[in-house]
Amino acid sequence: MSIIIKKIFLGTAAFVTVALSACEKMVEVDPPINEIKSEVAFSSDKLAANALSGMYTGLAQSSTQTIYLSLYNSLFADDLIYNGLNESSNDAYNNSYTTISLLQNNIFSDWYSTIYKANSIIEGLQKYKGTSDLVRKQLTAEAKFFRAYCYFNLVNTFGEVPLVLTTEVSISSLQPKETVDNIYKQIIIDLTAAKSDLLLDYSASSNTGNASNKRLGVNHYVATALLARTYLFTGDYAAAEKNASEVIAATNLYSLIPSGNMATGVWVKDNLESIWQMSSPIAPTNQYTDEAGAFLPFSGTEPQFDIRKTFRDLFISADLRGQKWMVSYGSGTSLKVLPYKYKYTSNATAVAAGVAESQTVLRLAEQYLIRAEARARIGVNLSGARDDMNMIRSRAKATESTTTVKSDLIDEILLENRKEFFCEQGYRWYNLKRTGQADLVLPTLKPAYRPAAKLLPLPTVAINANPNLKQNPDYR
């Protein structure tokens, strides 16, 4: 009987090796990466780049990045109704997760797995001098970006978590939670360093094959885009506006996909609106996304999801997002409307359509709405804020705003954000919490909702492994 070995990350310190066979036994606990392995891994530019490429692949293959980030976060919020029987999806939809729920385990471990790899790369490049200065600088910057990206998602999912910046198990295995403010400070430190050291195009990234037009790697503007979002979330609106403006000004690399191509153009590989995309979790050459398979039913099966009618009614009939990014199944009382941003659930269907899709993590439309909100909250350039929002409305064929009142404009921008990014990368859930709206909106829709549900419980296995790690409030 063949045995496949797979490493699964538990907690914040250790990997457990699992043998996947008919009986799926846990067979051993690996020690930390030893010095001999690290010395070899960073003994040349090529080998070091391979290590970083493995970090990209690991994240692209994680269920959290490819499915849960959009699916669970849409269920946590108010975009979707769930009609299926999956326990974790039901917990997410009802915000009824507890410490014995399963959904938080993979989310927690997937983000920390990538953080562990990023820390290993940063430490290895510093300790071993087998790489050239230019490669060391580039790879370190990419690893810091990844660490920041994972912590951004962790802090917006779990709140306070251990801030692990080392692979040293004697330290990381006993780390208590860090404050949200300090985690954001580290995210900004990492993104600022990455922004400074990454190239302006995509040619140097270890994940692009030295092709300057591919969007699977990270560059200066990828770090800048996530920095703009981070500053918005931390209330530094001047810095959010500045960084978003820098991305928007890079017209040699980025532009909004025009209205006529909105149906598929925003989601195809290497399109001009995409800032950072994720490769297929199965093979880089595949042309479909797991995210499409998560939302859309397989042939002959009933849809499990339905976009809330109250949300659909917010779109005017001419809005292309309602026309092109949603799809109907059934009719009358059995009508279900599903997210239809990604349209292909198999390689065969994508190839037949002549379309290659990639999961888009960061795109230019967000930068316009970040700058719009930042400008509106600062209150000095309200016309500029309105113009930025109208760029997105105009592209969608929605009615342009003429609002001149600051508070009304902020509300319109937040609504536009919801319309543009529904069922995408956790935008609605994160923003409901950031703006203090979760406790106002969700109780009327979900009887089981309680304020503590804004944060997931930490996995019990992580708490049991670390005596200094305490559970989130109101979870037992």
Protein backbone atom coordinates (compact mmCIF):
# COMPACT_ATOMS: atom_id res chain seq x y z
CA MET A 1 0.00 0.00 0.00
CA SER A 2 1.45 3.37 -1.01
CA ILE A 3 1.90 6.08 1.59
CA ILE A 4 1.87 9.81 0.83
CA ILE A 5 3.56 12.02 3.39
CA LYS A 6 2.05 15.44 4.02
CA LYS A 7 3.14 18.08 6.51
CA ILE A 8 0.36 19.79 8.45
CA PHE A 9 1.05 22.86 10.56
CA LEU A 10 -0.38 22.92 14.05
CA GLY A 11 -0.29 25.89 16.37
CA THR A 12 2.52 28.35 15.87
CA ALA A 13 5.57 26.21 16.32
CA ALA A 14 5.58 22.64 15.12
CA PHE A 15 4.83 20.54 12.09
CA VAL A 16 3.21 17.16 12.44
CA THR A 17 3.90 14.60 9.74
CA VAL A 18 0.82 12.67 8.71
CA ALA A 19 0.78 9.53 6.61
CA LEU A 20 -2.26 9.57 4.36
CA SER A 21 -3.26 5.97 3.71
CA ALA A 22 -6.35 3.86 4.22
CA CYS A 23 -6.00 4.35 7.95
CA GLU A 24 -4.49 7.90 7.87
CA LYS A 25 -2.14 7.46 10.81
CA MET A 26 -0.13 10.19 12.49
CA VAL A 27 3.37 8.74 12.42
CA GLU A 28 5.89 11.25 13.74
CA VAL A 29 6.71 14.77 14.80
CA ASP A 30 9.42 16.50 12.80
CA PRO A 31 12.11 18.59 14.46
CA PRO A 32 12.63 22.17 13.29
CA ILE A 33 14.49 22.71 10.03
CA ASN A 34 18.07 21.80 10.88
CA GLU A 35 21.14 23.79 9.94
CA ILE A 36 22.39 21.34 7.31
CA LYS A 37 19.12 21.55 5.35
CA SER A 38 19.03 25.33 5.65
CA GLU A 39 22.62 25.69 4.58
CA VAL A 40 21.92 23.72 1.42
CA ALA A 41 18.63 25.54 0.72
CA PHE A 42 20.39 28.93 0.71
CA SER A 43 23.66 27.89 -0.90
CA SER A 44 22.84 29.44 -4.28
CA ASP A 45 20.50 31.94 -5.92
CA LYS A 46 18.62 29.14 -7.68
CA LEU A 47 18.10 27.01 -4.58
CA ALA A 48 17.00 29.99 -2.51
CA ALA A 49 14.53 30.97 -5.23
CA ASN A 50 13.20 27.40 -5.17
CA ALA A 51 12.58 27.72 -1.43
CA LEU A 52 10.58 30.91 -1.99
CA SER A 53 8.69 29.35 -4.88
CA GLY A 54 7.68 26.59 -2.46
CA MET A 55 6.18 29.24 -0.18
CA TYR A 56 4.10 30.60 -3.08
CA THR A 57 2.97 27.10 -3.99
CA GLY A 58 2.11 26.23 -0.41
CA LEU A 59 -0.19 29.22 -0.06
CA ALA A 60 -1.74 28.64 -3.50
CA GLN A 61 -2.51 25.04 -2.51
CA SER A 62 -4.02 25.88 0.88
CA SER A 63 -7.77 25.54 1.19
CA THR A 64 -7.87 28.75 3.21
CA GLN A 65 -6.52 30.88 0.37
CA THR A 66 -8.23 29.11 -2.51
CA ILE A 67 -11.68 28.55 -1.00
CA TYR A 68 -12.30 29.57 2.59
CA LEU A 69 -11.14 33.19 2.34
CA SER A 70 -14.01 33.98 0.00
CA LEU A 71 -16.51 31.29 0.96
CA TYR A 72 -16.47 31.34 4.77
CA ASN A 73 -16.06 35.11 4.98
CA SER A 74 -19.10 35.56 2.74
CA LEU A 75 -21.06 33.25 5.02
CA PHE A 76 -19.83 35.02 8.16
CA ALA A 77 -21.20 38.26 6.70
CA ASP A 78 -24.52 38.94 4.98
CA ASP A 79 -23.87 38.36 1.28
CA LEU A 80 -25.06 34.75 1.14
CA ILE A 81 -27.75 32.39 2.34
CA TYR A 82 -26.61 28.79 2.82
CA ASN A 83 -28.92 25.87 2.04
CA GLY A 84 -26.55 22.92 2.39
CA LEU A 85 -25.67 20.39 5.06
CA ASN A 86 -21.93 20.92 5.53
CA GLU A 87 -21.31 21.44 9.25
CA SER A 88 -18.53 24.01 8.90
CA SER A 89 -20.47 26.01 6.32
CA ASN A 90 -23.52 25.98 8.57
CA ASP A 91 -21.42 27.16 11.50
CA ALA A 92 -20.05 29.97 9.34
CA TYR A 93 -23.45 30.99 7.99
CA ASN A 94 -25.07 31.08 11.42
CA ASN A 95 -21.99 32.55 13.16
CA SER A 96 -22.49 29.68 15.59
CA TYR A 97 -18.93 28.35 15.65
CA THR A 98 -17.58 27.14 18.98
CA THR A 99 -14.29 25.76 20.25
CA ILE A 100 -15.26 22.32 18.95
CA SER A 101 -15.99 23.58 15.44
CA LEU A 102 -13.60 22.44 12.75
CA LEU A 103 -13.51 25.44 10.46
CA GLN A 104 -10.99 27.51 12.46
CA ASN A 105 -8.34 24.79 12.50
CA ASN A 106 -7.36 24.91 8.84
CA ILE A 107 -7.63 28.70 8.67
CA PHE A 108 -5.29 29.17 11.63
CA SER A 109 -2.80 26.53 10.55
CA ASP A 110 -2.69 27.57 6.87
CA TRP A 111 -1.75 31.16 7.67
CA TYR A 112 0.84 30.14 10.23
CA SER A 113 2.29 27.53 7.90
CA THR A 114 3.10 30.27 5.38
CA ILE A 115 4.44 32.51 8.17
CA TYR A 116 6.76 29.70 9.27
CA LYS A 117 8.07 29.36 5.71
CA ALA A 118 8.52 33.11 5.41
CA ASN A 119 10.45 33.23 8.69
CA SER A 120 12.62 30.32 7.53
CA ILE A 121 13.47 32.14 4.32
CA ILE A 122 14.21 35.45 6.03
CA GLU A 123 16.45 33.75 8.60
CA GLY A 124 18.18 31.54 6.06
CA LEU A 125 19.00 34.43 3.75
CA GLN A 126 20.42 36.39 6.68
CA LYS A 127 22.46 33.52 8.11
CA TYR A 128 23.85 31.86 4.97
CA LYS A 129 25.69 33.87 2.35
CA GLY A 130 25.31 31.59 -0.65
CA THR A 131 23.08 34.04 -2.52
CA SER A 132 23.97 37.26 -4.30
CA ASP A 133 23.10 40.55 -2.63
CA LEU A 134 20.42 41.34 -5.22
CA VAL A 135 18.70 37.98 -4.86
CA ARG A 136 18.91 38.08 -1.07
CA LYS A 137 17.27 41.51 -1.08
CA GLN A 138 14.49 40.43 -3.47
CA LEU A 139 13.67 37.14 -1.76
CA THR A 140 13.71 38.67 1.72
CA ALA A 141 11.27 41.35 0.53
CA GLU A 142 8.93 38.76 -0.96
CA ALA A 143 8.99 36.69 2.25
CA LYS A 144 8.23 39.79 4.34
CA PHE A 145 5.27 40.58 2.10
CA PHE A 146 3.91 37.07 2.59
CA ARG A 147 4.31 37.31 6.35
CA ALA A 148 2.45 40.61 6.37
CA TYR A 149 -0.33 39.26 4.16
CA CYS A 150 -0.88 36.27 6.44
CA TYR A 151 -0.91 38.39 9.59
CA PHE A 152 -3.40 40.80 8.02
CA ASN A 153 -5.79 37.89 7.52
CA LEU A 154 -5.05 36.37 10.92
CA VAL A 155 -5.69 39.57 12.85
CA ASN A 156 -8.93 40.21 10.94
CA THR A 157 -10.11 36.67 11.62
CA PHE A 158 -8.93 35.90 15.15
CA GLY A 159 -7.96 39.28 16.60
CA GLU A 160 -4.98 38.97 18.96
CA VAL A 161 -2.69 36.08 17.99
CA PRO A 162 0.96 35.22 18.65
CA LEU A 163 3.31 37.40 16.61
CA VAL A 164 5.85 34.82 15.50
CA LEU A 165 8.94 36.26 13.81
CA THR A 166 11.30 33.33 14.31
CA THR A 167 11.52 29.60 13.61
CA GLU A 168 13.07 28.97 17.01
CA VAL A 169 10.62 26.55 18.62
CA SER A 170 11.71 27.33 22.18
CA ILE A 171 10.45 30.87 21.58
CA SER A 172 7.50 30.48 19.24
CA SER A 173 5.93 27.53 21.06
CA LEU A 174 5.43 29.63 24.19
CA GLN A 175 4.47 32.99 22.71
CA PRO A 176 1.31 34.58 24.11
CA LYS A 177 -1.04 36.72 22.09
CA GLU A 178 0.15 40.06 20.80
CA THR A 179 -2.11 43.12 20.69
CA VAL A 180 -3.87 43.95 17.44
CA ASP A 181 -2.10 47.33 17.35
CA ASN A 182 1.33 45.71 17.58
CA ILE A 183 0.48 43.14 14.93
CA TYR A 184 -0.55 45.94 12.59
CA LYS A 185 2.70 47.76 13.38
CA GLN A 186 4.64 44.68 12.31
CA ILE A 187 2.54 44.34 9.15
CA ILE A 188 3.40 47.94 8.27
CA ILE A 189 7.10 47.37 9.03
CA ASP A 190 7.19 44.30 6.77
CA LEU A 191 5.22 45.92 3.95
CA THR A 192 7.28 49.12 4.08
CA ALA A 193 10.49 47.10 3.83
CA ALA A 194 9.07 44.98 1.03
CA LYS A 195 7.86 48.03 -0.87
CA SER A 196 11.31 49.58 -0.65
CA ASP A 197 13.19 46.51 -1.89
CA LEU A 198 10.88 44.96 -4.50
CA LEU A 199 11.22 45.90 -8.16
CA LEU A 200 8.66 48.04 -9.94
CA ASP A 201 7.68 45.26 -12.35
CA TYR A 202 7.14 41.52 -11.90
CA SER A 203 10.31 40.31 -13.60
CA ALA A 204 12.38 39.55 -10.50
CA SER A 205 9.80 37.56 -8.57
CA SER A 206 10.63 33.91 -8.06
CA ASN A 207 7.06 33.02 -9.04
CA THR A 208 6.85 34.64 -12.47
CA GLY A 209 9.57 32.84 -14.38
CA ASN A 210 11.22 36.22 -15.05
CA ALA A 211 8.24 37.32 -17.15
CA SER A 212 7.45 40.97 -16.48
CA ASN A 213 3.75 40.69 -17.37
CA LYS A 214 2.79 37.84 -15.04
CA ARG A 215 0.82 38.74 -11.92
CA LEU A 216 1.57 35.63 -9.84
CA GLY A 217 4.57 37.18 -8.13
CA VAL A 218 4.83 40.23 -5.89
CA ASN A 219 6.46 43.54 -6.74
CA HIS A 220 6.69 47.08 -5.34
CA TYR A 221 3.06 47.84 -6.17
CA VAL A 222 1.70 44.64 -4.67
CA ALA A 223 3.25 45.64 -1.34
CA THR A 224 2.03 49.22 -1.83
CA ALA A 225 -1.54 48.06 -2.49
CA LEU A 226 -1.67 45.95 0.68
CA LEU A 227 -0.05 48.81 2.59
CA ALA A 228 -2.83 51.14 1.41
CA ARG A 229 -5.43 48.67 2.70
CA THR A 230 -3.60 48.27 6.01
CA TYR A 231 -3.44 52.02 6.57
CA LEU A 232 -7.16 52.28 5.83
CA PHE A 233 -7.87 49.60 8.42
CA THR A 234 -5.69 51.34 11.02
CA GLY A 235 -7.23 54.76 10.39
CA ASP A 236 -4.16 56.42 8.87
CA TYR A 237 -6.13 57.89 5.99
CA ALA A 238 -3.41 60.18 4.68
CA ALA A 239 -1.05 57.21 4.28
CA ALA A 240 -3.84 55.10 2.74
CA GLU A 241 -4.52 57.84 0.18
CA LYS A 242 -0.80 58.24 -0.60
CA ASN A 243 -0.18 54.54 -1.19
CA ALA A 244 -3.36 53.98 -3.19
CA SER A 245 -2.47 56.98 -5.35
CA GLU A 246 0.93 55.46 -6.06
CA VAL A 247 -0.65 52.27 -7.36
CA ILE A 248 -3.27 54.12 -9.40
CA ALA A 249 -0.53 56.26 -10.97
CA ALA A 250 1.31 53.16 -12.28
CA THR A 251 -0.66 53.27 -15.53
CA ASN A 252 2.08 51.40 -17.37
CA LEU A 253 1.10 48.32 -15.37
CA TYR A 254 -2.50 48.77 -14.21
CA SER A 255 -5.82 49.95 -15.59
CA LEU A 256 -9.47 49.11 -14.97
CA ILE A 257 -10.92 46.47 -17.25
CA PRO A 258 -13.43 48.29 -19.49
CA SER A 259 -17.18 47.79 -19.18
CA GLY A 260 -17.45 45.65 -22.29
CA ASN A 261 -15.09 43.04 -20.87
CA MET A 262 -16.30 42.96 -17.26
CA ALA A 263 -17.90 39.52 -17.51
CA THR A 264 -14.60 37.65 -17.69
CA GLY A 265 -11.82 40.21 -18.10
CA VAL A 266 -11.42 41.03 -14.42
CA TRP A 267 -10.66 37.39 -13.59
CA VAL A 268 -8.45 36.19 -16.45
CA LYS A 269 -4.77 35.51 -15.87
CA ASP A 270 -2.44 38.50 -15.96
CA ASN A 271 -5.14 41.06 -16.81
CA LEU A 272 -4.29 44.74 -16.37
CA GLU A 273 -6.62 45.30 -13.42
CA SER A 274 -5.05 42.53 -11.36
CA ILE A 275 -2.27 43.51 -8.99
CA TRP A 276 -1.64 40.09 -7.49
CA GLN A 277 -3.08 36.74 -8.53
CA MET A 278 -2.77 33.20 -7.18
CA SER A 279 -1.73 30.25 -9.31
CA SER A 280 -3.93 27.16 -9.60
CA PRO A 281 -3.69 24.90 -6.54
CA ILE A 282 -3.42 21.85 -8.79
CA ALA A 283 -1.02 22.99 -11.52
CA PRO A 284 0.14 26.44 -12.68
CA THR A 285 -1.08 25.68 -16.21
CA ASN A 286 -4.67 25.02 -15.13
CA GLN A 287 -7.19 27.60 -16.29
CA TYR A 288 -9.88 27.41 -13.61
CA THR A 289 -10.18 28.23 -9.90
CA ASP A 290 -11.24 26.22 -6.88
CA GLU A 291 -13.25 29.27 -5.83
CA ALA A 292 -15.64 28.75 -8.75
CA GLY A 293 -16.11 25.15 -7.68
CA ALA A 294 -16.89 26.26 -4.13
CA PHE A 295 -19.78 28.53 -5.13
CA LEU A 296 -21.20 26.92 -8.28
CA PRO A 297 -23.06 23.58 -8.26
CA PHE A 298 -21.76 20.60 -10.17
CA SER A 299 -23.88 19.31 -13.02
CA GLY A 300 -27.12 17.77 -11.80
CA THR A 301 -26.85 19.10 -8.25
CA GLU A 302 -28.88 21.79 -6.50
CA PRO A 303 -27.23 25.11 -5.60
CA GLN A 304 -26.23 25.36 -1.94
CA PHE A 305 -26.01 29.14 -1.87
CA ASP A 306 -28.18 32.11 -2.68
CA ILE A 307 -27.17 35.76 -2.80
CA ARG A 308 -29.59 37.56 -0.50
CA LYS A 309 -32.38 39.23 -2.41
CA THR A 310 -32.10 42.34 -0.24
CA PHE A 311 -28.52 42.67 -1.48
CA ARG A 312 -29.41 41.95 -5.11
CA ASP A 313 -32.07 44.65 -4.92
CA LEU A 314 -29.37 47.24 -4.21
CA PHE A 315 -28.22 46.99 -7.85
CA ILE A 316 -30.05 48.92 -10.54
CA SER A 317 -30.94 46.79 -13.56
CA ALA A 318 -28.26 48.41 -15.72
CA ASP A 319 -25.44 47.56 -13.28
CA LEU A 320 -23.13 45.14 -15.06
CA ARG A 321 -22.07 43.55 -11.78
CA GLY A 322 -25.57 42.25 -11.24
CA GLN A 323 -25.74 41.12 -14.87
CA LYS A 324 -22.27 39.62 -15.31
CA TRP A 325 -21.06 38.64 -11.85
CA MET A 326 -24.21 36.76 -10.74
CA VAL A 327 -25.93 33.75 -12.29
CA SER A 328 -29.46 32.41 -11.74
CA TYR A 329 -30.53 28.81 -11.22
CA GLY A 330 -34.19 27.80 -11.31
CA SER A 331 -37.11 30.21 -11.32
CA GLY A 332 -39.99 31.46 -9.20
CA THR A 333 -39.83 30.34 -5.58
CA SER A 334 -36.94 27.98 -6.38
CA LEU A 335 -34.79 30.73 -7.89
CA LYS A 336 -31.22 30.84 -6.58
CA VAL A 337 -28.69 33.49 -7.55
CA LEU A 338 -25.01 32.64 -7.14
CA PRO A 339 -21.69 34.47 -7.35
CA TYR A 340 -20.43 34.24 -10.93
CA LYS A 341 -17.17 36.12 -10.88
CA TYR A 342 -15.17 32.96 -11.60
CA LYS A 343 -17.07 30.93 -14.16
CA TYR A 344 -15.24 27.66 -14.74
CA THR A 345 -15.15 24.66 -12.43
CA SER A 346 -12.90 22.43 -14.51
CA ASN A 347 -9.97 22.78 -16.85
CA ALA A 348 -12.03 21.28 -19.69
CA THR A 349 -14.74 23.96 -19.51
CA ALA A 350 -12.20 26.79 -19.25
CA VAL A 351 -10.16 25.48 -22.18
CA ALA A 352 -13.31 25.00 -24.26
CA ALA A 353 -14.28 28.62 -23.58
CA GLY A 354 -10.79 29.83 -24.40
CA VAL A 355 -10.48 31.55 -21.01
CA ALA A 356 -7.76 31.13 -18.38
CA GLU A 357 -8.84 32.34 -14.93
CA SER A 358 -6.70 33.00 -11.84
CA GLN A 359 -7.84 33.83 -8.33
CA THR A 360 -7.32 37.56 -7.96
CA VAL A 361 -6.14 38.61 -4.51
CA LEU A 362 -5.53 42.32 -5.11
CA ARG A 363 -6.96 44.43 -7.92
CA LEU A 364 -6.97 48.06 -8.96
CA ALA A 365 -10.66 48.73 -8.25
CA GLU A 366 -9.93 48.38 -4.54
CA GLN A 367 -7.28 51.08 -4.70
CA TYR A 368 -9.78 53.57 -6.15
CA LEU A 369 -12.22 52.79 -3.34
CA ILE A 370 -9.50 52.92 -0.68
CA ARG A 371 -8.47 56.36 -1.93
CA ALA A 372 -12.09 57.45 -2.17
CA GLU A 373 -12.81 56.47 1.43
CA ALA A 374 -9.56 57.93 2.72
CA ARG A 375 -10.22 61.24 0.98
CA ALA A 376 -13.82 61.34 2.21
CA ARG A 377 -12.81 60.66 5.81
CA ILE A 378 -10.09 63.31 5.69
CA GLY A 379 -12.77 65.64 4.33
CA VAL A 380 -10.57 67.98 2.29
CA ASN A 381 -11.00 66.55 -1.21
CA LEU A 382 -14.59 65.34 -1.34
CA SER A 383 -14.84 65.89 -5.09
CA GLY A 384 -11.77 63.69 -5.58
CA ALA A 385 -13.31 61.03 -3.35
CA ARG A 386 -16.51 61.14 -5.36
CA ASP A 387 -14.61 60.97 -8.65
CA ASP A 388 -12.74 57.87 -7.48
CA MET A 389 -15.98 56.14 -6.52
CA ASN A 390 -17.56 57.17 -9.80
CA MET A 391 -14.71 55.51 -11.69
CA ILE A 392 -16.03 52.21 -10.34
CA ARG A 393 -19.69 53.11 -10.79
CA SER A 394 -19.15 54.34 -14.34
CA ARG A 395 -17.31 51.18 -15.30
CA ALA A 396 -20.26 49.13 -14.00
CA LYS A 397 -22.83 51.33 -15.79
CA ALA A 398 -24.28 52.33 -12.42
CA THR A 399 -25.59 55.83 -11.72
CA GLU A 400 -22.80 58.24 -10.82
CA SER A 401 -22.93 60.02 -7.49
CA THR A 402 -23.44 63.77 -7.05
CA THR A 403 -23.19 63.69 -3.25
CA THR A 404 -21.44 66.63 -1.59
CA VAL A 405 -22.09 65.76 2.08
CA LYS A 406 -19.16 64.00 3.76
CA SER A 407 -21.14 61.45 5.81
CA ASP A 408 -23.37 60.56 2.87
CA LEU A 409 -20.36 60.15 0.62
CA ILE A 410 -18.65 57.78 3.07
CA ASP A 411 -21.83 55.68 3.23
CA GLU A 412 -21.99 55.56 -0.57
CA ILE A 413 -18.34 54.51 -0.84
CA LEU A 414 -18.83 51.70 1.68
CA LEU A 415 -21.88 50.50 -0.24
CA GLU A 416 -19.94 50.65 -3.49
CA ASN A 417 -17.22 48.57 -1.89
CA ARG A 418 -19.82 45.98 -0.94
CA LYS A 419 -21.26 45.89 -4.45
CA GLU A 420 -17.87 45.64 -6.15
CA PHE A 421 -16.35 43.00 -3.88
CA PHE A 422 -19.27 40.78 -2.86
CA CYS A 423 -18.21 37.18 -2.18
CA GLU A 424 -14.60 38.09 -2.86
CA GLN A 425 -11.58 37.66 -0.58
CA GLY A 426 -13.36 38.50 2.67
CA TYR A 427 -13.99 42.17 1.89
CA ARG A 428 -17.52 42.41 3.28
CA TRP A 429 -16.79 40.54 6.54
CA TYR A 430 -13.62 42.48 7.27
CA ASN A 431 -15.29 45.79 6.47
CA LEU A 432 -18.39 45.07 8.56
CA LYS A 433 -16.10 44.66 11.55
CA ARG A 434 -13.76 47.54 10.66
CA THR A 435 -16.62 50.01 10.40
CA GLY A 436 -18.45 48.81 13.51
CA GLN A 437 -21.48 47.62 11.52
CA ALA A 438 -21.36 43.87 12.25
CA ASP A 439 -23.26 44.10 15.54
CA LEU A 440 -25.90 46.30 13.92
CA VAL A 441 -26.46 44.38 10.69
CA LEU A 442 -26.10 40.69 11.56
CA PRO A 443 -28.38 40.16 14.60
CA THR A 444 -31.49 40.92 12.53
CA LEU A 445 -30.47 38.28 9.96
CA LYS A 446 -28.99 35.56 12.15
CA PRO A 447 -30.64 34.56 15.45
CA ALA A 448 -27.48 32.81 16.69
CA TYR A 449 -25.25 35.83 16.11
CA ARG A 450 -23.52 37.35 19.14
CA PRO A 451 -20.83 40.05 19.33
CA ALA A 452 -18.12 37.52 20.24
CA ALA A 453 -18.63 35.92 16.83
CA LYS A 454 -16.73 38.76 15.17
CA LEU A 455 -13.66 36.71 16.07
CA LEU A 456 -13.25 32.99 15.50
CA PRO A 457 -12.17 30.90 18.47
CA LEU A 458 -8.55 29.83 18.46
CA PRO A 459 -8.02 26.12 17.68
CA THR A 460 -8.02 24.00 20.82
CA VAL A 461 -4.96 22.11 19.58
CA ALA A 462 -2.96 25.35 19.48
CA ILE A 463 -4.05 26.32 23.01
CA ASN A 464 -3.25 22.86 24.35
CA ALA A 465 0.23 23.05 22.82
CA ASN A 466 1.01 26.49 24.27
CA PRO A 467 0.34 27.17 27.98
CA ASN A 468 0.65 30.93 27.37
CA LEU A 469 -1.99 31.06 24.66
CA LYS A 470 -5.45 32.04 25.90
CA GLN A 471 -8.78 31.49 24.15
CA ASN A 472 -10.66 34.43 22.67
CA PRO A 473 -13.26 36.08 24.93
CA ASP A 474 -16.62 34.37 25.45
CA TYR A 475 -15.44 31.00 24.10
CA ARG A 476 -15.14 28.00 26.40
